[in-house]
Amino acid sequence: MQGLFSKFKQLHLVSSQNRLVSELTDILIEDNWSVRALAVCKSSKTSSYKMLVDPAKVEHIDFLDNTAHAKCDEAELFDSPTLDQDQWRDELQSRRCWSAADLCGYRIRSRNGWAGNMRDLVVDVSVWKIIYGVADTRSWLPNDSSMFPTNRINSVCSGTGKISVELSQEPLVPALNDASLRSENPIPLR
């Protein structure tokens, strides 16, 4: 099953006892585009933390019901690592990981110029991997968004907010519409 990152941010994490734990706020992505952790908000009276939940602890995602059902109880979920905002930034820098929320909005540079901005990411939850980027391409294509496979990304620079893809704008247009680049079960992009 696949889903847009923007839809993940609307999910509520539910324990195996069917109790609401928290809302998902972000996804921690490794440099090979694997999902390292799901970030959920954990708040107390004095501060707010991100709790990192191993995606292997998620049994089922229901986008219609906006829920992610965990395989474990609340105690095991709350035993997950927690990070304050400074620790979150350090985690991203030290492990060469990216925040999905941060990547959305980055500028995309093709071989021959700017191709648009990262609008969203497509997550394949069967393998917990980001498989497509969704580009806002209104500046050079008639449609407002197009998908491209993440294996065509050369580099991501968090310091400048830029993503470099190994495609030029001309070949990118037909490639984005090529059925061979799409999944067997396409998802709606809106």
N, C-alpha and C. Protein backbone atom coordinates (compact mmCIF):
# COMPACT_ATOMS: atom_id res chain seq x y z
N MET A 1 0.85 -1.18 0.00
CA MET A 1 0.00 0.00 0.00
C MET A 1 0.89 1.24 0.00
N GLN A 2 0.42 2.26 -0.70
CA GLN A 2 1.16 3.50 -0.80
C GLN A 2 0.31 4.66 -0.30
N GLY A 3 0.98 5.68 0.17
CA GLY A 3 0.27 6.87 0.62
C GLY A 3 1.16 8.08 0.55
N LEU A 4 0.54 9.23 0.45
CA LEU A 4 1.28 10.48 0.43
C LEU A 4 1.69 10.88 1.84
N PHE A 5 2.88 11.46 1.95
CA PHE A 5 3.34 11.94 3.25
C PHE A 5 2.34 12.93 3.84
N SER A 6 1.77 13.79 3.01
CA SER A 6 0.80 14.77 3.51
C SER A 6 -0.38 14.08 4.18
N LYS A 7 -0.73 12.88 3.76
CA LYS A 7 -1.81 12.12 4.39
C LYS A 7 -1.32 11.47 5.69
N PHE A 8 -0.02 11.12 5.76
CA PHE A 8 0.53 10.54 6.99
C PHE A 8 0.43 11.53 8.13
N LYS A 9 0.62 12.82 7.83
CA LYS A 9 0.57 13.84 8.88
C LYS A 9 -0.82 13.99 9.47
N GLN A 10 -1.82 13.36 8.87
CA GLN A 10 -3.19 13.43 9.37
C GLN A 10 -3.56 12.17 10.16
N LEU A 11 -2.62 11.23 10.25
CA LEU A 11 -2.92 9.95 10.91
C LEU A 11 -2.77 10.05 12.43
N HIS A 12 -3.59 9.27 13.12
CA HIS A 12 -3.51 9.13 14.57
C HIS A 12 -2.97 7.75 14.87
N LEU A 13 -1.93 7.68 15.70
CA LEU A 13 -1.36 6.40 16.10
C LEU A 13 -2.23 5.80 17.19
N VAL A 14 -2.65 4.55 16.97
CA VAL A 14 -3.54 3.85 17.89
C VAL A 14 -2.82 2.60 18.38
N SER A 15 -2.85 2.36 19.69
CA SER A 15 -2.18 1.19 20.27
C SER A 15 -2.93 -0.10 19.94
N SER A 16 -2.32 -1.23 20.28
CA SER A 16 -2.98 -2.52 20.04
C SER A 16 -4.24 -2.69 20.88
N GLN A 17 -4.38 -1.88 21.96
CA GLN A 17 -5.61 -1.91 22.77
C GLN A 17 -6.65 -0.93 22.22
N ASN A 18 -6.36 -0.38 21.02
CA ASN A 18 -7.26 0.56 20.35
C ASN A 18 -7.40 1.88 21.08
N ARG A 19 -6.30 2.32 21.73
CA ARG A 19 -6.28 3.61 22.41
C ARG A 19 -5.45 4.60 21.60
N LEU A 20 -5.96 5.81 21.49
CA LEU A 20 -5.25 6.87 20.78
C LEU A 20 -3.98 7.23 21.54
N VAL A 21 -2.85 7.19 20.84
CA VAL A 21 -1.56 7.51 21.46
C VAL A 21 -1.15 8.94 21.11
N SER A 22 -1.15 9.27 19.84
CA SER A 22 -0.72 10.59 19.42
C SER A 22 -0.93 10.74 17.92
N GLU A 23 -0.63 11.93 17.40
CA GLU A 23 -0.69 12.18 15.96
C GLU A 23 0.70 12.03 15.35
N LEU A 24 0.75 11.49 14.14
CA LEU A 24 2.00 11.44 13.42
C LEU A 24 2.30 12.85 12.90
N THR A 25 3.57 13.28 13.02
CA THR A 25 3.93 14.63 12.61
C THR A 25 5.00 14.65 11.52
N ASP A 26 5.77 13.59 11.41
CA ASP A 26 6.88 13.61 10.46
C ASP A 26 7.36 12.18 10.24
N ILE A 27 8.22 12.04 9.23
CA ILE A 27 8.87 10.77 8.94
C ILE A 27 10.36 11.03 8.86
N LEU A 28 11.15 10.22 9.53
CA LEU A 28 12.61 10.31 9.46
C LEU A 28 13.07 9.37 8.35
N ILE A 29 13.76 9.94 7.36
CA ILE A 29 14.14 9.19 6.15
C ILE A 29 15.65 9.05 6.09
N GLU A 30 16.12 7.83 5.84
CA GLU A 30 17.55 7.59 5.67
C GLU A 30 17.97 7.96 4.26
N ASP A 31 19.28 8.05 4.03
CA ASP A 31 19.75 8.50 2.71
C ASP A 31 19.49 7.50 1.59
N ASN A 32 19.08 6.28 1.90
CA ASN A 32 18.67 5.33 0.86
C ASN A 32 17.15 5.35 0.65
N TRP A 33 16.49 6.34 1.22
CA TRP A 33 15.06 6.59 1.13
C TRP A 33 14.21 5.61 1.93
N SER A 34 14.84 4.83 2.80
CA SER A 34 14.08 3.98 3.72
C SER A 34 13.54 4.82 4.87
N VAL A 35 12.38 4.43 5.38
CA VAL A 35 11.80 5.12 6.53
C VAL A 35 12.46 4.55 7.78
N ARG A 36 13.18 5.41 8.49
CA ARG A 36 13.86 4.98 9.72
C ARG A 36 12.90 5.00 10.90
N ALA A 37 12.06 6.04 10.97
CA ALA A 37 11.15 6.17 12.10
C ALA A 37 9.98 7.07 11.73
N LEU A 38 8.87 6.83 12.42
CA LEU A 38 7.72 7.73 12.35
C LEU A 38 7.81 8.63 13.57
N ALA A 39 7.67 9.91 13.35
CA ALA A 39 7.73 10.86 14.47
C ALA A 39 6.31 11.20 14.89
N VAL A 40 6.05 11.03 16.17
CA VAL A 40 4.74 11.41 16.71
C VAL A 40 4.97 12.45 17.80
N CYS A 41 4.02 13.31 17.97
CA CYS A 41 4.14 14.37 18.96
C CYS A 41 3.80 13.82 20.33
N LYS A 42 4.66 14.13 21.29
CA LYS A 42 4.43 13.72 22.67
C LYS A 42 4.61 14.98 23.52
N SER A 43 3.54 15.42 24.16
CA SER A 43 3.59 16.67 24.91
C SER A 43 3.39 16.45 26.39
N SER A 44 4.04 17.31 27.16
CA SER A 44 3.80 17.37 28.60
C SER A 44 3.41 18.81 28.92
N LYS A 45 3.21 19.12 30.18
CA LYS A 45 2.82 20.48 30.55
C LYS A 45 3.94 21.48 30.27
N THR A 46 5.19 21.03 30.26
CA THR A 46 6.31 21.96 30.13
C THR A 46 7.00 21.94 28.77
N SER A 47 6.83 20.88 28.00
CA SER A 47 7.56 20.82 26.73
C SER A 47 6.88 19.88 25.75
N SER A 48 7.40 19.92 24.53
CA SER A 48 6.90 19.07 23.47
C SER A 48 8.08 18.27 22.90
N TYR A 49 7.85 17.00 22.65
CA TYR A 49 8.88 16.11 22.16
C TYR A 49 8.41 15.41 20.91
N LYS A 50 9.36 14.89 20.15
CA LYS A 50 9.04 13.97 19.07
C LYS A 50 9.44 12.59 19.56
N MET A 51 8.51 11.67 19.47
CA MET A 51 8.77 10.29 19.84
C MET A 51 8.98 9.53 18.54
N LEU A 52 10.09 8.81 18.44
CA LEU A 52 10.41 8.06 17.22
C LEU A 52 9.91 6.64 17.35
N VAL A 53 8.99 6.27 16.48
CA VAL A 53 8.39 4.94 16.50
C VAL A 53 8.92 4.15 15.31
N ASP A 54 9.44 2.98 15.58
CA ASP A 54 9.91 2.09 14.52
C ASP A 54 8.73 1.72 13.64
N PRO A 55 8.85 1.91 12.31
CA PRO A 55 7.71 1.58 11.44
C PRO A 55 7.31 0.10 11.51
N ALA A 56 8.23 -0.76 11.94
CA ALA A 56 7.89 -2.19 12.07
C ALA A 56 6.84 -2.41 13.17
N LYS A 57 6.64 -1.42 14.04
CA LYS A 57 5.63 -1.54 15.08
C LYS A 57 4.23 -1.21 14.58
N VAL A 58 4.13 -0.77 13.31
CA VAL A 58 2.82 -0.43 12.74
C VAL A 58 2.30 -1.63 11.97
N GLU A 59 1.11 -2.05 12.34
CA GLU A 59 0.50 -3.23 11.72
C GLU A 59 -0.35 -2.88 10.51
N HIS A 60 -1.08 -1.77 10.60
CA HIS A 60 -2.05 -1.44 9.56
C HIS A 60 -2.27 0.07 9.52
N ILE A 61 -2.39 0.61 8.32
CA ILE A 61 -2.72 2.02 8.15
C ILE A 61 -4.05 2.11 7.41
N ASP A 62 -4.92 2.92 7.96
CA ASP A 62 -6.23 3.14 7.35
C ASP A 62 -6.36 4.62 7.03
N PHE A 63 -6.13 4.98 5.75
CA PHE A 63 -6.19 6.38 5.36
C PHE A 63 -7.62 6.92 5.38
N LEU A 64 -8.60 6.06 5.22
CA LEU A 64 -9.99 6.51 5.27
C LEU A 64 -10.39 6.90 6.69
N ASP A 65 -9.86 6.15 7.65
CA ASP A 65 -10.17 6.38 9.07
C ASP A 65 -9.11 7.27 9.73
N ASN A 66 -8.06 7.63 8.98
CA ASN A 66 -6.94 8.44 9.49
C ASN A 66 -6.27 7.82 10.72
N THR A 67 -6.05 6.50 10.66
CA THR A 67 -5.41 5.83 11.78
C THR A 67 -4.25 4.95 11.32
N ALA A 68 -3.25 4.86 12.18
CA ALA A 68 -2.14 3.92 12.03
C ALA A 68 -2.21 3.02 13.26
N HIS A 69 -2.49 1.74 13.05
CA HIS A 69 -2.68 0.81 14.16
C HIS A 69 -1.37 0.11 14.49
N ALA A 70 -0.96 0.23 15.74
CA ALA A 70 0.29 -0.37 16.19
C ALA A 70 0.10 -1.83 16.56
N LYS A 71 1.19 -2.60 16.47
CA LYS A 71 1.18 -4.01 16.87
C LYS A 71 1.38 -4.15 18.37
N CYS A 72 1.71 -3.06 19.04
CA CYS A 72 2.07 -3.15 20.46
C CYS A 72 1.21 -2.21 21.31
N ASP A 73 1.34 -2.38 22.63
CA ASP A 73 0.54 -1.56 23.54
C ASP A 73 1.18 -0.19 23.77
N GLU A 74 0.48 0.65 24.51
CA GLU A 74 0.96 2.01 24.77
C GLU A 74 2.30 2.02 25.49
N ALA A 75 2.48 1.11 26.45
CA ALA A 75 3.74 1.09 27.21
C ALA A 75 4.93 0.88 26.28
N GLU A 76 4.81 -0.04 25.33
CA GLU A 76 5.91 -0.29 24.41
C GLU A 76 6.11 0.90 23.46
N LEU A 77 5.02 1.51 23.04
CA LEU A 77 5.14 2.70 22.18
C LEU A 77 5.80 3.85 22.92
N PHE A 78 5.41 4.07 24.19
CA PHE A 78 5.99 5.17 24.97
C PHE A 78 7.43 4.88 25.39
N ASP A 79 7.87 3.65 25.17
CA ASP A 79 9.26 3.29 25.45
C ASP A 79 10.18 3.68 24.28
N SER A 80 9.59 4.22 23.22
CA SER A 80 10.35 4.67 22.06
C SER A 80 11.19 5.88 22.43
N PRO A 81 12.29 6.11 21.71
CA PRO A 81 13.12 7.29 22.01
C PRO A 81 12.34 8.59 21.81
N THR A 82 12.62 9.56 22.67
CA THR A 82 12.01 10.88 22.52
C THR A 82 13.11 11.91 22.32
N LEU A 83 12.80 12.91 21.53
CA LEU A 83 13.78 13.95 21.21
C LEU A 83 13.14 15.32 21.33
N ASP A 84 13.84 16.27 21.95
CA ASP A 84 13.37 17.65 21.89
C ASP A 84 13.81 18.24 20.56
N GLN A 85 13.49 19.49 20.29
CA GLN A 85 13.78 20.08 18.98
C GLN A 85 15.28 20.08 18.66
N ASP A 86 16.14 20.39 19.64
CA ASP A 86 17.59 20.38 19.40
C ASP A 86 18.09 18.97 19.10
N GLN A 87 17.61 18.00 19.86
CA GLN A 87 18.01 16.61 19.62
C GLN A 87 17.52 16.13 18.26
N TRP A 88 16.33 16.58 17.84
CA TRP A 88 15.78 16.22 16.53
C TRP A 88 16.72 16.70 15.43
N ARG A 89 17.14 17.96 15.52
CA ARG A 89 18.08 18.50 14.52
C ARG A 89 19.39 17.73 14.53
N ASP A 90 19.90 17.42 15.72
CA ASP A 90 21.16 16.66 15.81
C ASP A 90 21.00 15.27 15.19
N GLU A 91 19.87 14.64 15.42
CA GLU A 91 19.59 13.31 14.86
C GLU A 91 19.61 13.37 13.34
N LEU A 92 18.99 14.39 12.79
CA LEU A 92 18.96 14.54 11.33
C LEU A 92 20.37 14.73 10.77
N GLN A 93 21.18 15.53 11.44
CA GLN A 93 22.52 15.81 10.94
C GLN A 93 23.49 14.65 11.16
N SER A 94 23.43 14.01 12.31
CA SER A 94 24.42 12.98 12.63
C SER A 94 24.20 11.67 11.88
N ARG A 95 23.00 11.37 11.50
CA ARG A 95 22.71 10.09 10.86
C ARG A 95 22.49 10.22 9.35
N ARG A 96 22.73 11.41 8.83
CA ARG A 96 22.48 11.66 7.41
C ARG A 96 21.04 11.25 7.07
N CYS A 97 20.14 11.76 7.86
CA CYS A 97 18.72 11.52 7.66
C CYS A 97 18.04 12.83 7.31
N TRP A 98 16.84 12.70 6.78
CA TRP A 98 16.06 13.87 6.44
C TRP A 98 14.68 13.77 7.08
N SER A 99 14.13 14.91 7.33
CA SER A 99 12.75 15.02 7.76
C SER A 99 11.90 15.16 6.51
N ALA A 100 10.87 14.34 6.40
CA ALA A 100 9.96 14.44 5.24
C ALA A 100 9.32 15.82 5.20
N ALA A 101 8.97 16.35 6.36
CA ALA A 101 8.34 17.68 6.41
C ALA A 101 9.30 18.75 5.87
N ASP A 102 10.59 18.61 6.18
CA ASP A 102 11.58 19.57 5.69
C ASP A 102 11.77 19.46 4.18
N LEU A 103 11.78 18.22 3.65
CA LEU A 103 12.01 18.03 2.21
C LEU A 103 10.91 18.66 1.36
N CYS A 104 9.68 18.65 1.87
CA CYS A 104 8.58 19.26 1.13
C CYS A 104 8.80 20.77 1.12
N GLY A 105 8.94 21.31 -0.06
CA GLY A 105 9.25 22.72 -0.22
C GLY A 105 10.64 22.96 -0.80
N TYR A 106 11.52 21.94 -0.73
CA TYR A 106 12.86 22.09 -1.32
C TYR A 106 12.73 22.32 -2.82
N ARG A 107 13.65 23.09 -3.37
CA ARG A 107 13.68 23.33 -4.81
C ARG A 107 14.33 22.15 -5.50
N ILE A 108 13.80 21.78 -6.67
CA ILE A 108 14.31 20.64 -7.43
C ILE A 108 15.05 21.16 -8.65
N ARG A 109 16.30 20.76 -8.76
CA ARG A 109 17.13 21.18 -9.90
C ARG A 109 17.39 19.98 -10.80
N SER A 110 17.01 20.12 -12.08
CA SER A 110 17.31 19.09 -13.07
C SER A 110 18.63 19.46 -13.73
N ARG A 111 19.07 18.68 -14.70
CA ARG A 111 20.34 18.95 -15.38
C ARG A 111 20.39 20.32 -16.04
N ASN A 112 19.25 20.79 -16.52
CA ASN A 112 19.28 22.05 -17.26
C ASN A 112 18.43 23.15 -16.64
N GLY A 113 18.21 23.10 -15.37
CA GLY A 113 17.49 24.20 -14.73
C GLY A 113 16.56 23.74 -13.62
N TRP A 114 15.88 24.71 -13.06
CA TRP A 114 14.95 24.42 -11.97
C TRP A 114 13.70 23.75 -12.51
N ALA A 115 13.29 22.69 -11.83
CA ALA A 115 12.15 21.90 -12.28
C ALA A 115 10.93 22.09 -11.39
N GLY A 116 11.03 22.86 -10.34
CA GLY A 116 9.91 23.07 -9.44
C GLY A 116 10.30 22.85 -8.00
N ASN A 117 9.33 22.62 -7.15
CA ASN A 117 9.55 22.38 -5.73
C ASN A 117 8.99 21.03 -5.34
N MET A 118 9.61 20.41 -4.33
CA MET A 118 9.09 19.15 -3.79
C MET A 118 7.77 19.48 -3.08
N ARG A 119 6.72 18.84 -3.55
CA ARG A 119 5.39 19.09 -3.00
C ARG A 119 4.99 18.05 -1.97
N ASP A 120 5.39 16.80 -2.23
CA ASP A 120 4.98 15.70 -1.36
C ASP A 120 5.89 14.51 -1.64
N LEU A 121 5.72 13.45 -0.87
CA LEU A 121 6.48 12.21 -1.03
C LEU A 121 5.51 11.04 -1.02
N VAL A 122 5.80 10.01 -1.79
CA VAL A 122 4.97 8.81 -1.80
C VAL A 122 5.69 7.73 -1.00
N VAL A 123 5.01 7.21 0.02
CA VAL A 123 5.56 6.21 0.92
C VAL A 123 4.94 4.86 0.58
N ASP A 124 5.79 3.86 0.34
CA ASP A 124 5.31 2.48 0.15
C ASP A 124 5.44 1.80 1.51
N VAL A 125 4.32 1.60 2.19
CA VAL A 125 4.36 1.06 3.54
C VAL A 125 4.63 -0.44 3.57
N SER A 126 4.54 -1.12 2.44
CA SER A 126 4.85 -2.56 2.43
C SER A 126 6.35 -2.79 2.63
N VAL A 127 7.18 -1.80 2.23
CA VAL A 127 8.63 -1.91 2.41
C VAL A 127 9.17 -0.72 3.21
N TRP A 128 8.31 0.19 3.64
CA TRP A 128 8.67 1.39 4.38
C TRP A 128 9.80 2.14 3.68
N LYS A 129 9.48 2.58 2.48
CA LYS A 129 10.45 3.30 1.66
C LYS A 129 9.73 4.44 0.92
N ILE A 130 10.45 5.55 0.75
CA ILE A 130 9.93 6.65 -0.06
C ILE A 130 10.26 6.27 -1.51
N ILE A 131 9.25 6.11 -2.35
CA ILE A 131 9.51 5.63 -3.71
C ILE A 131 9.37 6.71 -4.77
N TYR A 132 8.63 7.76 -4.49
CA TYR A 132 8.47 8.86 -5.44
C TYR A 132 8.51 10.19 -4.72
N GLY A 133 9.00 11.18 -5.44
CA GLY A 133 8.82 12.56 -5.04
C GLY A 133 7.70 13.12 -5.88
N VAL A 134 6.97 14.05 -5.33
CA VAL A 134 5.92 14.72 -6.09
C VAL A 134 6.35 16.18 -6.22
N ALA A 135 6.57 16.59 -7.46
CA ALA A 135 7.06 17.94 -7.72
C ALA A 135 5.92 18.86 -8.11
N ASP A 136 5.95 20.07 -7.57
CA ASP A 136 5.06 21.13 -8.01
C ASP A 136 5.73 21.71 -9.25
N THR A 137 5.17 21.42 -10.41
CA THR A 137 5.81 21.78 -11.69
C THR A 137 5.03 22.83 -12.46
N ARG A 138 4.22 23.61 -11.79
CA ARG A 138 3.41 24.62 -12.48
C ARG A 138 4.25 25.62 -13.26
N SER A 139 5.51 25.83 -12.85
CA SER A 139 6.32 26.84 -13.52
C SER A 139 6.77 26.41 -14.91
N TRP A 140 6.73 25.09 -15.23
CA TRP A 140 7.17 24.69 -16.57
C TRP A 140 6.37 23.56 -17.19
N LEU A 141 5.33 23.09 -16.54
CA LEU A 141 4.45 22.07 -17.13
C LEU A 141 3.00 22.52 -17.00
N PRO A 142 2.15 22.07 -17.91
CA PRO A 142 0.75 22.46 -17.80
C PRO A 142 0.04 21.86 -16.59
N ASN A 143 0.47 20.68 -16.14
CA ASN A 143 -0.15 20.10 -14.95
C ASN A 143 0.57 20.65 -13.72
N ASP A 144 -0.12 20.67 -12.58
CA ASP A 144 0.49 21.32 -11.42
C ASP A 144 1.41 20.43 -10.62
N SER A 145 1.38 19.11 -10.83
CA SER A 145 2.31 18.24 -10.11
C SER A 145 2.64 17.01 -10.94
N SER A 146 3.85 16.49 -10.72
CA SER A 146 4.32 15.30 -11.42
C SER A 146 5.14 14.46 -10.45
N MET A 147 5.13 13.16 -10.68
CA MET A 147 5.89 12.24 -9.83
C MET A 147 7.20 11.88 -10.51
N PHE A 148 8.23 11.64 -9.69
CA PHE A 148 9.49 11.13 -10.20
C PHE A 148 10.04 10.14 -9.17
N PRO A 149 10.72 9.08 -9.63
CA PRO A 149 11.24 8.07 -8.69
C PRO A 149 12.40 8.62 -7.88
N THR A 150 12.45 8.28 -6.60
CA THR A 150 13.52 8.79 -5.74
C THR A 150 14.89 8.25 -6.13
N ASN A 151 14.93 7.13 -6.87
CA ASN A 151 16.24 6.62 -7.29
C ASN A 151 16.87 7.50 -8.37
N ARG A 152 16.17 8.52 -8.84
CA ARG A 152 16.71 9.48 -9.80
C ARG A 152 17.25 10.73 -9.12
N ILE A 153 17.22 10.75 -7.78
CA ILE A 153 17.74 11.89 -7.02
C ILE A 153 19.24 11.69 -6.79
N ASN A 154 20.02 12.67 -7.20
CA ASN A 154 21.48 12.63 -7.01
C ASN A 154 21.89 13.08 -5.62
N SER A 155 21.30 14.18 -5.17
CA SER A 155 21.72 14.73 -3.88
C SER A 155 20.61 15.58 -3.27
N VAL A 156 20.70 15.69 -1.95
CA VAL A 156 19.81 16.55 -1.19
C VAL A 156 20.71 17.42 -0.31
N CYS A 157 20.54 18.71 -0.39
CA CYS A 157 21.34 19.63 0.42
C CYS A 157 20.40 20.36 1.38
N SER A 158 20.44 19.93 2.65
CA SER A 158 19.53 20.54 3.62
C SER A 158 19.95 21.98 3.92
N GLY A 159 21.23 22.31 3.76
CA GLY A 159 21.69 23.68 4.02
C GLY A 159 21.10 24.69 3.06
N THR A 160 20.90 24.28 1.81
CA THR A 160 20.37 25.21 0.80
C THR A 160 18.92 24.90 0.44
N GLY A 161 18.41 23.77 0.90
CA GLY A 161 17.03 23.40 0.56
C GLY A 161 16.87 23.03 -0.89
N LYS A 162 17.87 22.32 -1.45
CA LYS A 162 17.83 21.96 -2.87
C LYS A 162 17.98 20.46 -3.05
N ILE A 163 17.29 19.95 -4.06
CA ILE A 163 17.36 18.55 -4.45
C ILE A 163 17.81 18.51 -5.90
N SER A 164 18.82 17.70 -6.19
CA SER A 164 19.32 17.57 -7.55
C SER A 164 18.86 16.23 -8.11
N VAL A 165 18.25 16.27 -9.30
CA VAL A 165 17.79 15.04 -9.95
C VAL A 165 18.59 14.80 -11.22
N GLU A 166 18.80 13.54 -11.57
CA GLU A 166 19.59 13.20 -12.75
C GLU A 166 18.72 13.10 -14.00
N LEU A 167 17.87 14.07 -14.16
CA LEU A 167 16.99 14.16 -15.32
C LEU A 167 17.04 15.59 -15.84
N SER A 168 16.85 15.75 -17.13
CA SER A 168 16.69 17.10 -17.65
C SER A 168 15.20 17.36 -17.79
N GLN A 169 14.85 18.61 -17.97
CA GLN A 169 13.43 18.94 -18.04
C GLN A 169 12.75 18.28 -19.23
N GLU A 170 13.41 18.22 -20.38
CA GLU A 170 12.78 17.63 -21.56
C GLU A 170 12.47 16.14 -21.36
N PRO A 171 13.49 15.32 -20.99
CA PRO A 171 13.17 13.91 -20.76
C PRO A 171 12.31 13.68 -19.52
N LEU A 172 12.31 14.63 -18.60
CA LEU A 172 11.54 14.47 -17.37
C LEU A 172 10.05 14.43 -17.66
N VAL A 173 9.58 15.24 -18.58
CA VAL A 173 8.15 15.30 -18.87
C VAL A 173 7.61 13.94 -19.31
N PRO A 174 8.18 13.29 -20.38
CA PRO A 174 7.64 11.98 -20.75
C PRO A 174 7.92 10.92 -19.68
N ALA A 175 9.05 11.03 -19.00
CA ALA A 175 9.37 10.02 -17.99
C ALA A 175 8.35 10.04 -16.86
N LEU A 176 7.90 11.22 -16.50
CA LEU A 176 6.93 11.33 -15.42
C LEU A 176 5.58 10.76 -15.81
N ASN A 177 5.30 10.73 -17.10
CA ASN A 177 4.03 10.20 -17.58
C ASN A 177 4.15 8.75 -18.06
N ASP A 178 5.34 8.19 -18.01
CA ASP A 178 5.61 6.84 -18.46
C ASP A 178 5.04 5.83 -17.45
N ALA A 179 4.21 4.93 -17.91
CA ALA A 179 3.57 3.95 -17.03
C ALA A 179 4.59 3.07 -16.33
N SER A 180 5.78 2.89 -16.90
CA SER A 180 6.78 2.03 -16.27
C SER A 180 7.32 2.63 -14.97
N LEU A 181 7.17 3.93 -14.78
CA LEU A 181 7.65 4.56 -13.56
C LEU A 181 6.58 4.60 -12.48
N ARG A 182 5.39 4.26 -12.82
CA ARG A 182 4.30 4.32 -11.85
C ARG A 182 4.07 2.97 -11.20
N SER A 183 3.43 3.00 -10.06
CA SER A 183 3.19 1.76 -9.35
C SER A 183 2.02 1.02 -9.99
N GLU A 184 1.87 -0.23 -9.60
CA GLU A 184 0.73 -1.01 -10.09
C GLU A 184 -0.58 -0.48 -9.51
N ASN A 185 -0.49 0.12 -8.34
CA ASN A 185 -1.66 0.69 -7.68
C ASN A 185 -1.46 2.17 -7.47
N PRO A 186 -1.68 2.98 -8.50
CA PRO A 186 -1.44 4.41 -8.33
C PRO A 186 -2.35 5.02 -7.27
N ILE A 187 -1.87 6.05 -6.65
CA ILE A 187 -2.65 6.72 -5.63
C ILE A 187 -3.05 8.09 -6.12
N PRO A 188 -4.15 8.64 -5.61
CA PRO A 188 -4.53 9.98 -6.03
C PRO A 188 -3.53 11.00 -5.51
N LEU A 189 -3.19 11.97 -6.34
CA LEU A 189 -2.22 12.97 -5.93
C LEU A 189 -2.88 14.18 -5.30
N ARG A 190 -4.15 14.19 -5.13
CA ARG A 190 -4.82 15.33 -4.49
C ARG A 190 -5.71 14.88 -3.38
